[in-house]
Amino acid sequence: MLRICSFFGIVISMYWNEGAHQVPHFHARYGDAEASVAFDGTLIEGALPARSARFVLEWTLLHQAELERNWELARARQPLDQIDPLT
């Protein structure tokens, strides 16, 4: 899993190759909580505390184009770009 961003204690990562989910997504981790999130902000699997989930949704909606680019890079096994944090 490659870390592409972190903010407010939340770590955003993508895997190079993951067969469990075919929909483009990333992983958000806050403490012991983790969730897989689609680029439209839909929760695929897992859970986050409510406040962290709101931050992740806001960040996702701001960075959809960069997430899509990183997804293509990850599928091509290329280095991923860092994405600006939520401030």
PDB file of N, CA and C in Angstrom:
ATOM      1  N   MET A   1       0.853  -1.169   0.000  1.00  0.00           N
ATOM      2  CA  MET A   1       0.000   0.000   0.000  1.00  0.00           C
ATOM      3  C   MET A   1       0.898   1.231   0.000  1.00  0.00           C
ATOM      4  N   LEU A   2       0.582   2.176  -0.863  1.00  0.00           N
ATOM      5  CA  LEU A   2       1.385   3.369  -0.989  1.00  0.00           C
ATOM      6  C   LEU A   2       0.625   4.579  -0.462  1.00  0.00           C
ATOM      7  N   ARG A   3       1.253   5.261   0.461  1.00  0.00           N
ATOM      8  CA  ARG A   3       0.643   6.444   1.077  1.00  0.00           C
ATOM      9  C   ARG A   3       0.686   7.595   0.082  1.00  0.00           C
ATOM     10  N   ILE A   4      -0.472   8.218  -0.174  1.00  0.00           N
ATOM     11  CA  ILE A   4      -0.521   9.330  -1.117  1.00  0.00           C
ATOM     12  C   ILE A   4      -0.884  10.653  -0.437  1.00  0.00           C
ATOM     13  N   CYS A   5      -1.362  10.576   0.813  1.00  0.00           N
ATOM     14  CA  CYS A   5      -1.731  11.804   1.517  1.00  0.00           C
ATOM     15  C   CYS A   5      -1.993  11.489   2.988  1.00  0.00           C
ATOM     16  N   SER A   6      -1.867  12.501   3.818  1.00  0.00           N
ATOM     17  CA  SER A   6      -2.301  12.376   5.214  1.00  0.00           C
ATOM     18  C   SER A   6      -2.708  13.756   5.713  1.00  0.00           C
ATOM     19  N   PHE A   7      -3.737  13.771   6.546  1.00  0.00           N
ATOM     20  CA  PHE A   7      -4.237  15.014   7.125  1.00  0.00           C
ATOM     21  C   PHE A   7      -5.093  14.668   8.338  1.00  0.00           C
ATOM     22  N   PHE A   8      -4.998  15.475   9.367  1.00  0.00           N
ATOM     23  CA  PHE A   8      -5.795  15.326  10.591  1.00  0.00           C
ATOM     24  C   PHE A   8      -5.732  13.904  11.161  1.00  0.00           C
ATOM     25  N   GLY A   9      -4.584  13.245  11.032  1.00  0.00           N
ATOM     26  CA  GLY A   9      -4.425  11.882  11.537  1.00  0.00           C
ATOM     27  C   GLY A   9      -4.967  10.806  10.618  1.00  0.00           C
ATOM     28  N   ILE A  10      -5.478  11.185   9.464  1.00  0.00           N
ATOM     29  CA  ILE A  10      -6.019  10.245   8.481  1.00  0.00           C
ATOM     30  C   ILE A  10      -4.941   9.965   7.437  1.00  0.00           C
ATOM     31  N   VAL A  11      -4.731   8.700   7.123  1.00  0.00           N
ATOM     32  CA  VAL A  11      -3.757   8.308   6.114  1.00  0.00           C
ATOM     33  C   VAL A  11      -4.512   7.746   4.926  1.00  0.00           C
ATOM     34  N   ILE A  12      -4.217   8.288   3.745  1.00  0.00           N
ATOM     35  CA  ILE A  12      -4.847   7.852   2.499  1.00  0.00           C
ATOM     36  C   ILE A  12      -3.808   7.072   1.701  1.00  0.00           C
ATOM     37  N   SER A  13      -4.188   5.860   1.264  1.00  0.00           N
ATOM     38  CA  SER A  13      -3.273   4.988   0.537  1.00  0.00           C
ATOM     39  C   SER A  13      -3.983   4.304  -0.618  1.00  0.00           C
ATOM     40  N   MET A  14      -3.164   3.801  -1.555  1.00  0.00           N
ATOM     41  CA  MET A  14      -3.658   2.956  -2.647  1.00  0.00           C
ATOM     42  C   MET A  14      -2.741   1.755  -2.755  1.00  0.00           C
ATOM     43  N   TYR A  15      -3.323   0.628  -3.138  1.00  0.00           N
ATOM     44  CA  TYR A  15      -2.536  -0.576  -3.413  1.00  0.00           C
ATOM     45  C   TYR A  15      -2.139  -0.586  -4.877  1.00  0.00           C
ATOM     46  N   TRP A  16      -1.015  -1.236  -5.165  1.00  0.00           N
ATOM     47  CA  TRP A  16      -0.595  -1.407  -6.559  1.00  0.00           C
ATOM     48  C   TRP A  16      -1.540  -2.351  -7.290  1.00  0.00           C
ATOM     49  N   ASN A  17      -1.865  -3.453  -6.640  1.00  0.00           N
ATOM     50  CA  ASN A  17      -2.684  -4.459  -7.301  1.00  0.00           C
ATOM     51  C   ASN A  17      -3.577  -5.099  -6.247  1.00  0.00           C
ATOM     52  N   GLU A  18      -4.853  -4.872  -6.373  1.00  0.00           N
ATOM     53  CA  GLU A  18      -5.786  -5.411  -5.387  1.00  0.00           C
ATOM     54  C   GLU A  18      -6.969  -6.031  -6.119  1.00  0.00           C
ATOM     55  N   GLY A  19      -7.172  -7.297  -5.931  1.00  0.00           N
ATOM     56  CA  GLY A  19      -8.253  -7.985  -6.614  1.00  0.00           C
ATOM     57  C   GLY A  19      -9.581  -7.928  -5.888  1.00  0.00           C
ATOM     58  N   ALA A  20      -9.602  -7.526  -4.627  1.00  0.00           N
ATOM     59  CA  ALA A  20     -10.826  -7.569  -3.836  1.00  0.00           C
ATOM     60  C   ALA A  20     -11.893  -6.603  -4.355  1.00  0.00           C
ATOM     61  N   HIS A  21     -11.478  -5.458  -4.836  1.00  0.00           N
ATOM     62  CA  HIS A  21     -12.419  -4.443  -5.327  1.00  0.00           C
ATOM     63  C   HIS A  21     -12.007  -4.065  -6.743  1.00  0.00           C
ATOM     64  N   GLN A  22     -12.912  -4.144  -7.669  1.00  0.00           N
ATOM     65  CA  GLN A  22     -12.588  -3.729  -9.027  1.00  0.00           C
ATOM     66  C   GLN A  22     -12.947  -2.270  -9.286  1.00  0.00           C
ATOM     67  N   VAL A  23     -13.779  -1.700  -8.451  1.00  0.00           N
ATOM     68  CA  VAL A  23     -14.138  -0.294  -8.606  1.00  0.00           C
ATOM     69  C   VAL A  23     -12.948   0.561  -8.150  1.00  0.00           C
ATOM     70  N   PRO A  24     -12.632   1.636  -8.872  1.00  0.00           N
ATOM     71  CA  PRO A  24     -11.536   2.517  -8.433  1.00  0.00           C
ATOM     72  C   PRO A  24     -11.799   3.028  -7.023  1.00  0.00           C
ATOM     73  N   HIS A  25     -10.790   2.932  -6.179  1.00  0.00           N
ATOM     74  CA  HIS A  25     -10.965   3.303  -4.772  1.00  0.00           C
ATOM     75  C   HIS A  25      -9.618   3.554  -4.114  1.00  0.00           C
ATOM     76  N   PHE A  26      -9.676   4.045  -2.887  1.00  0.00           N
ATOM     77  CA  PHE A  26      -8.481   4.213  -2.053  1.00  0.00           C
ATOM     78  C   PHE A  26      -8.831   3.730  -0.657  1.00  0.00           C
ATOM     79  N   HIS A  27      -7.832   3.667   0.190  1.00  0.00           N
ATOM     80  CA  HIS A  27      -8.017   3.243   1.575  1.00  0.00           C
ATOM     81  C   HIS A  27      -7.747   4.431   2.487  1.00  0.00           C
ATOM     82  N   ALA A  28      -8.627   4.648   3.437  1.00  0.00           N
ATOM     83  CA  ALA A  28      -8.467   5.694   4.441  1.00  0.00           C
ATOM     84  C   ALA A  28      -8.350   5.017   5.797  1.00  0.00           C
ATOM     85  N   ARG A  29      -7.328   5.410   6.556  1.00  0.00           N
ATOM     86  CA  ARG A  29      -7.115   4.821   7.876  1.00  0.00           C
ATOM     87  C   ARG A  29      -7.018   5.942   8.902  1.00  0.00           C
ATOM     88  N   TYR A  30      -7.721   5.748  10.003  1.00  0.00           N
ATOM     89  CA  TYR A  30      -7.651   6.666  11.131  1.00  0.00           C
ATOM     90  C   TYR A  30      -7.581   5.814  12.383  1.00  0.00           C
ATOM     91  N   GLY A  31      -6.437   5.809  13.045  1.00  0.00           N
ATOM     92  CA  GLY A  31      -6.253   4.940  14.202  1.00  0.00           C
ATOM     93  C   GLY A  31      -6.426   3.493  13.786  1.00  0.00           C
ATOM     94  N   ASP A  32      -7.290   2.758  14.473  1.00  0.00           N
ATOM     95  CA  ASP A  32      -7.547   1.357  14.150  1.00  0.00           C
ATOM     96  C   ASP A  32      -8.656   1.181  13.113  1.00  0.00           C
ATOM     97  N   ALA A  33      -9.300   2.265  12.715  1.00  0.00           N
ATOM     98  CA  ALA A  33     -10.408   2.190  11.746  1.00  0.00           C
ATOM     99  C   ALA A  33      -9.864   2.319  10.327  1.00  0.00           C
ATOM    100  N   GLU A  34     -10.450   1.564   9.412  1.00  0.00           N
ATOM    101  CA  GLU A  34     -10.040   1.639   8.015  1.00  0.00           C
ATOM    102  C   GLU A  34     -11.251   1.431   7.125  1.00  0.00           C
ATOM    103  N   ALA A  35     -11.235   2.126   5.988  1.00  0.00           N
ATOM    104  CA  ALA A  35     -12.329   2.002   5.031  1.00  0.00           C
ATOM    105  C   ALA A  35     -11.787   2.069   3.611  1.00  0.00           C
ATOM    106  N   SER A  36     -12.450   1.365   2.706  1.00  0.00           N
ATOM    107  CA  SER A  36     -12.216   1.490   1.277  1.00  0.00           C
ATOM    108  C   SER A  36     -13.268   2.451   0.751  1.00  0.00           C
ATOM    109  N   VAL A  37     -12.827   3.450  -0.019  1.00  0.00           N
ATOM    110  CA  VAL A  37     -13.722   4.526  -0.452  1.00  0.00           C
ATOM    111  C   VAL A  37     -13.603   4.711  -1.961  1.00  0.00           C
ATOM    112  N   ALA A  38     -14.745   4.742  -2.654  1.00  0.00           N
ATOM    113  CA  ALA A  38     -14.771   5.017  -4.090  1.00  0.00           C
ATOM    114  C   ALA A  38     -14.499   6.497  -4.324  1.00  0.00           C
ATOM    115  N   PHE A  39     -14.149   6.849  -5.551  1.00  0.00           N
ATOM    116  CA  PHE A  39     -13.774   8.224  -5.861  1.00  0.00           C
ATOM    117  C   PHE A  39     -14.947   9.205  -5.829  1.00  0.00           C
ATOM    118  N   ASP A  40     -16.163   8.707  -5.713  1.00  0.00           N
ATOM    119  CA  ASP A  40     -17.310   9.597  -5.533  1.00  0.00           C
ATOM    120  C   ASP A  40     -17.653   9.765  -4.055  1.00  0.00           C
ATOM    121  N   GLY A  41     -16.829   9.154  -3.184  1.00  0.00           N
ATOM    122  CA  GLY A  41     -17.026   9.263  -1.739  1.00  0.00           C
ATOM    123  C   GLY A  41     -17.838   8.139  -1.129  1.00  0.00           C
ATOM    124  N   THR A  42     -18.332   7.211  -1.953  1.00  0.00           N
ATOM    125  CA  THR A  42     -19.115   6.086  -1.461  1.00  0.00           C
ATOM    126  C   THR A  42     -18.236   5.126  -0.673  1.00  0.00           C
ATOM    127  N   LEU A  43     -18.689   4.731   0.498  1.00  0.00           N
ATOM    128  CA  LEU A  43     -17.977   3.744   1.312  1.00  0.00           C
ATOM    129  C   LEU A  43     -18.189   2.362   0.704  1.00  0.00           C
ATOM    130  N   ILE A  44     -17.103   1.683   0.365  1.00  0.00           N
ATOM    131  CA  ILE A  44     -17.175   0.344  -0.220  1.00  0.00           C
ATOM    132  C   ILE A  44     -17.155  -0.709   0.875  1.00  0.00           C
ATOM    133  N   GLU A  45     -16.241  -0.511   1.819  1.00  0.00           N
ATOM    134  CA  GLU A  45     -16.057  -1.496   2.884  1.00  0.00           C
ATOM    135  C   GLU A  45     -15.404  -0.824   4.079  1.00  0.00           C
ATOM    136  N   GLY A  46     -15.687  -1.318   5.267  1.00  0.00           N
ATOM    137  CA  GLY A  46     -15.079  -0.795   6.478  1.00  0.00           C
ATOM    138  C   GLY A  46     -15.861   0.380   7.034  1.00  0.00           C
ATOM    139  N   ALA A  47     -15.228   1.109   7.951  1.00  0.00           N
ATOM    140  CA  ALA A  47     -15.877   2.243   8.599  1.00  0.00           C
ATOM    141  C   ALA A  47     -14.821   3.176   9.181  1.00  0.00           C
ATOM    142  N   LEU A  48     -15.195   4.422   9.303  1.00  0.00           N
ATOM    143  CA  LEU A  48     -14.378   5.439   9.952  1.00  0.00           C
ATOM    144  C   LEU A  48     -15.253   6.178  10.953  1.00  0.00           C
ATOM    145  N   PRO A  49     -14.644   6.778  11.980  1.00  0.00           N
ATOM    146  CA  PRO A  49     -15.436   7.634  12.868  1.00  0.00           C
ATOM    147  C   PRO A  49     -16.108   8.738  12.043  1.00  0.00           C
ATOM    148  N   ALA A  50     -17.257   9.201  12.476  1.00  0.00           N
ATOM    149  CA  ALA A  50     -18.069  10.155  11.703  1.00  0.00           C
ATOM    150  C   ALA A  50     -17.291  11.393  11.266  1.00  0.00           C
ATOM    151  N   ARG A  51     -16.544  11.999  12.160  1.00  0.00           N
ATOM    152  CA  ARG A  51     -15.799  13.216  11.819  1.00  0.00           C
ATOM    153  C   ARG A  51     -14.739  12.930  10.765  1.00  0.00           C
ATOM    154  N   SER A  52     -14.005  11.843  10.927  1.00  0.00           N
ATOM    155  CA  SER A  52     -12.991  11.464   9.942  1.00  0.00           C
ATOM    156  C   SER A  52     -13.634  11.152   8.596  1.00  0.00           C
ATOM    157  N   ALA A  53     -14.779  10.495   8.613  1.00  0.00           N
ATOM    158  CA  ALA A  53     -15.485  10.168   7.375  1.00  0.00           C
ATOM    159  C   ALA A  53     -15.885  11.448   6.632  1.00  0.00           C
ATOM    160  N   ARG A  54     -16.310  12.472   7.360  1.00  0.00           N
ATOM    161  CA  ARG A  54     -16.670  13.745   6.718  1.00  0.00           C
ATOM    162  C   ARG A  54     -15.451  14.406   6.095  1.00  0.00           C
ATOM    163  N   PHE A  55     -14.312  14.358   6.794  1.00  0.00           N
ATOM    164  CA  PHE A  55     -13.076  14.913   6.232  1.00  0.00           C
ATOM    165  C   PHE A  55     -12.672  14.157   4.965  1.00  0.00           C
ATOM    166  N   VAL A  56     -12.760  12.837   5.005  1.00  0.00           N
ATOM    167  CA  VAL A  56     -12.392  12.019   3.847  1.00  0.00           C
ATOM    168  C   VAL A  56     -13.302  12.330   2.665  1.00  0.00           C
ATOM    169  N   LEU A  57     -14.591  12.466   2.898  1.00  0.00           N
ATOM    170  CA  LEU A  57     -15.523  12.795   1.822  1.00  0.00           C
ATOM    171  C   LEU A  57     -15.180  14.150   1.211  1.00  0.00           C
ATOM    172  N   GLU A  58     -14.949  15.144   2.042  1.00  0.00           N
ATOM    173  CA  GLU A  58     -14.597  16.474   1.539  1.00  0.00           C
ATOM    174  C   GLU A  58     -13.328  16.415   0.700  1.00  0.00           C
ATOM    175  N   TRP A  59     -12.303  15.729   1.208  1.00  0.00           N
ATOM    176  CA  TRP A  59     -11.030  15.598   0.487  1.00  0.00           C
ATOM    177  C   TRP A  59     -11.235  14.872  -0.841  1.00  0.00           C
ATOM    178  N   THR A  60     -12.023  13.808  -0.825  1.00  0.00           N
ATOM    179  CA  THR A  60     -12.276  13.022  -2.031  1.00  0.00           C
ATOM    180  C   THR A  60     -12.902  13.879  -3.121  1.00  0.00           C
ATOM    181  N   LEU A  61     -13.897  14.648  -2.768  1.00  0.00           N
ATOM    182  CA  LEU A  61     -14.593  15.462  -3.758  1.00  0.00           C
ATOM    183  C   LEU A  61     -13.695  16.559  -4.338  1.00  0.00           C
ATOM    184  N   LEU A  62     -12.735  17.017  -3.554  1.00  0.00           N
ATOM    185  CA  LEU A  62     -11.783  18.021  -4.035  1.00  0.00           C
ATOM    186  C   LEU A  62     -10.718  17.441  -4.965  1.00  0.00           C
ATOM    187  N   HIS A  63     -10.462  16.142  -4.853  1.00  0.00           N
ATOM    188  CA  HIS A  63      -9.310  15.553  -5.543  1.00  0.00           C
ATOM    189  C   HIS A  63      -9.671  14.369  -6.445  1.00  0.00           C
ATOM    190  N   GLN A  64     -10.862  14.354  -6.986  1.00  0.00           N
ATOM    191  CA  GLN A  64     -11.286  13.220  -7.809  1.00  0.00           C
ATOM    192  C   GLN A  64     -10.364  13.004  -9.020  1.00  0.00           C
ATOM    193  N   ALA A  65      -9.991  14.062  -9.710  1.00  0.00           N
ATOM    194  CA  ALA A  65      -9.138  13.920 -10.899  1.00  0.00           C
ATOM    195  C   ALA A  65      -7.779  13.322 -10.526  1.00  0.00           C
ATOM    196  N   GLU A  66      -7.193  13.784  -9.428  1.00  0.00           N
ATOM    197  CA  GLU A  66      -5.896  13.247  -9.000  1.00  0.00           C
ATOM    198  C   GLU A  66      -6.018  11.789  -8.561  1.00  0.00           C
ATOM    199  N   LEU A  67      -7.118  11.444  -7.914  1.00  0.00           N
ATOM    200  CA  LEU A  67      -7.336  10.054  -7.518  1.00  0.00           C
ATOM    201  C   LEU A  67      -7.452   9.153  -8.745  1.00  0.00           C
ATOM    202  N   GLU A  68      -8.189   9.612  -9.746  1.00  0.00           N
ATOM    203  CA  GLU A  68      -8.321   8.821 -10.971  1.00  0.00           C
ATOM    204  C   GLU A  68      -6.972   8.640 -11.656  1.00  0.00           C
ATOM    205  N   ARG A  69      -6.170   9.700 -11.685  1.00  0.00           N
ATOM    206  CA  ARG A  69      -4.828   9.582 -12.279  1.00  0.00           C
ATOM    207  C   ARG A  69      -3.988   8.576 -11.491  1.00  0.00           C
ATOM    208  N   ASN A  70      -4.004   8.657 -10.181  1.00  0.00           N
ATOM    209  CA  ASN A  70      -3.235   7.715  -9.370  1.00  0.00           C
ATOM    210  C   ASN A  70      -3.723   6.284  -9.565  1.00  0.00           C
ATOM    211  N   TRP A  71      -5.024   6.105  -9.739  1.00  0.00           N
ATOM    212  CA  TRP A  71      -5.562   4.759  -9.978  1.00  0.00           C
ATOM    213  C   TRP A  71      -4.952   4.174 -11.250  1.00  0.00           C
ATOM    214  N   GLU A  72      -4.901   4.991 -12.301  1.00  0.00           N
ATOM    215  CA  GLU A  72      -4.306   4.519 -13.565  1.00  0.00           C
ATOM    216  C   GLU A  72      -2.820   4.230 -13.389  1.00  0.00           C
ATOM    217  N   LEU A  73      -2.130   5.083 -12.666  1.00  0.00           N
ATOM    218  CA  LEU A  73      -0.713   4.845 -12.384  1.00  0.00           C
ATOM    219  C   LEU A  73      -0.521   3.552 -11.599  1.00  0.00           C
ATOM    220  N   ALA A  74      -1.351   3.329 -10.597  1.00  0.00           N
ATOM    221  CA  ALA A  74      -1.238   2.128  -9.772  1.00  0.00           C
ATOM    222  C   ALA A  74      -1.476   0.880 -10.615  1.00  0.00           C
ATOM    223  N   ARG A  75      -2.480   0.904 -11.471  1.00  0.00           N
ATOM    224  CA  ARG A  75      -2.768  -0.245 -12.331  1.00  0.00           C
ATOM    225  C   ARG A  75      -1.618  -0.519 -13.295  1.00  0.00           C
ATOM    226  N   ALA A  76      -0.880   0.526 -13.688  1.00  0.00           N
ATOM    227  CA  ALA A  76       0.278   0.377 -14.569  1.00  0.00           C
ATOM    228  C   ALA A  76       1.562   0.122 -13.778  1.00  0.00           C
ATOM    229  N   ARG A  77       1.416  -0.018 -12.454  1.00  0.00           N
ATOM    230  CA  ARG A  77       2.565  -0.237 -11.559  1.00  0.00           C
ATOM    231  C   ARG A  77       3.620   0.864 -11.670  1.00  0.00           C
ATOM    232  N   GLN A  78       3.120   2.091 -11.766  1.00  0.00           N
ATOM    233  CA  GLN A  78       3.978   3.269 -11.826  1.00  0.00           C
ATOM    234  C   GLN A  78       3.942   3.978 -10.474  1.00  0.00           C
ATOM    235  N   PRO A  79       4.949   4.790 -10.188  1.00  0.00           N
ATOM    236  CA  PRO A  79       4.941   5.549  -8.939  1.00  0.00           C
ATOM    237  C   PRO A  79       3.713   6.465  -8.873  1.00  0.00           C
ATOM    238  N   LEU A  80       3.136   6.573  -7.694  1.00  0.00           N
ATOM    239  CA  LEU A  80       1.944   7.392  -7.501  1.00  0.00           C
ATOM    240  C   LEU A  80       2.328   8.813  -7.120  1.00  0.00           C
ATOM    241  N   ASP A  81       1.469   9.745  -7.484  1.00  0.00           N
ATOM    242  CA  ASP A  81       1.666  11.147  -7.124  1.00  0.00           C
ATOM    243  C   ASP A  81       1.109  11.406  -5.727  1.00  0.00           C
ATOM    244  N   GLN A  82       1.776  12.277  -5.004  1.00  0.00           N
ATOM    245  CA  GLN A  82       1.239  12.730  -3.721  1.00  0.00           C
ATOM    246  C   GLN A  82       0.104  13.715  -4.008  1.00  0.00           C
ATOM    247  N   ILE A  83      -0.910  13.702  -3.160  1.00  0.00           N
ATOM    248  CA  ILE A  83      -2.049  14.600  -3.308  1.00  0.00           C
ATOM    249  C   ILE A  83      -2.082  15.526  -2.096  1.00  0.00           C
ATOM    250  N   ASP A  84      -2.390  16.779  -2.338  1.00  0.00           N
ATOM    251  CA  ASP A  84      -2.415  17.770  -1.259  1.00  0.00           C
ATOM    252  C   ASP A  84      -3.402  17.374  -0.162  1.00  0.00           C
ATOM    253  N   PRO A  85      -3.053  17.634   1.072  1.00  0.00           N
ATOM    254  CA  PRO A  85      -3.950  17.315   2.189  1.00  0.00           C
ATOM    255  C   PRO A  85      -5.082  18.321   2.303  1.00  0.00           C
ATOM    256  N   LEU A  86      -6.078  17.952   3.060  1.00  0.00           N
ATOM    257  CA  LEU A  86      -7.155  18.851   3.437  1.00  0.00           C
ATOM    258  C   LEU A  86      -6.578  19.784   4.503  1.00  0.00           C
ATOM    259  N   THR A  87      -6.824  21.058   4.369  1.00  0.00           N
ATOM    260  CA  THR A  87      -6.284  22.019   5.358  1.00  0.00           C
ATOM    261  C   THR A  87      -7.387  22.841   5.964  1.00  0.00           C
TER     262      THR A  87
END
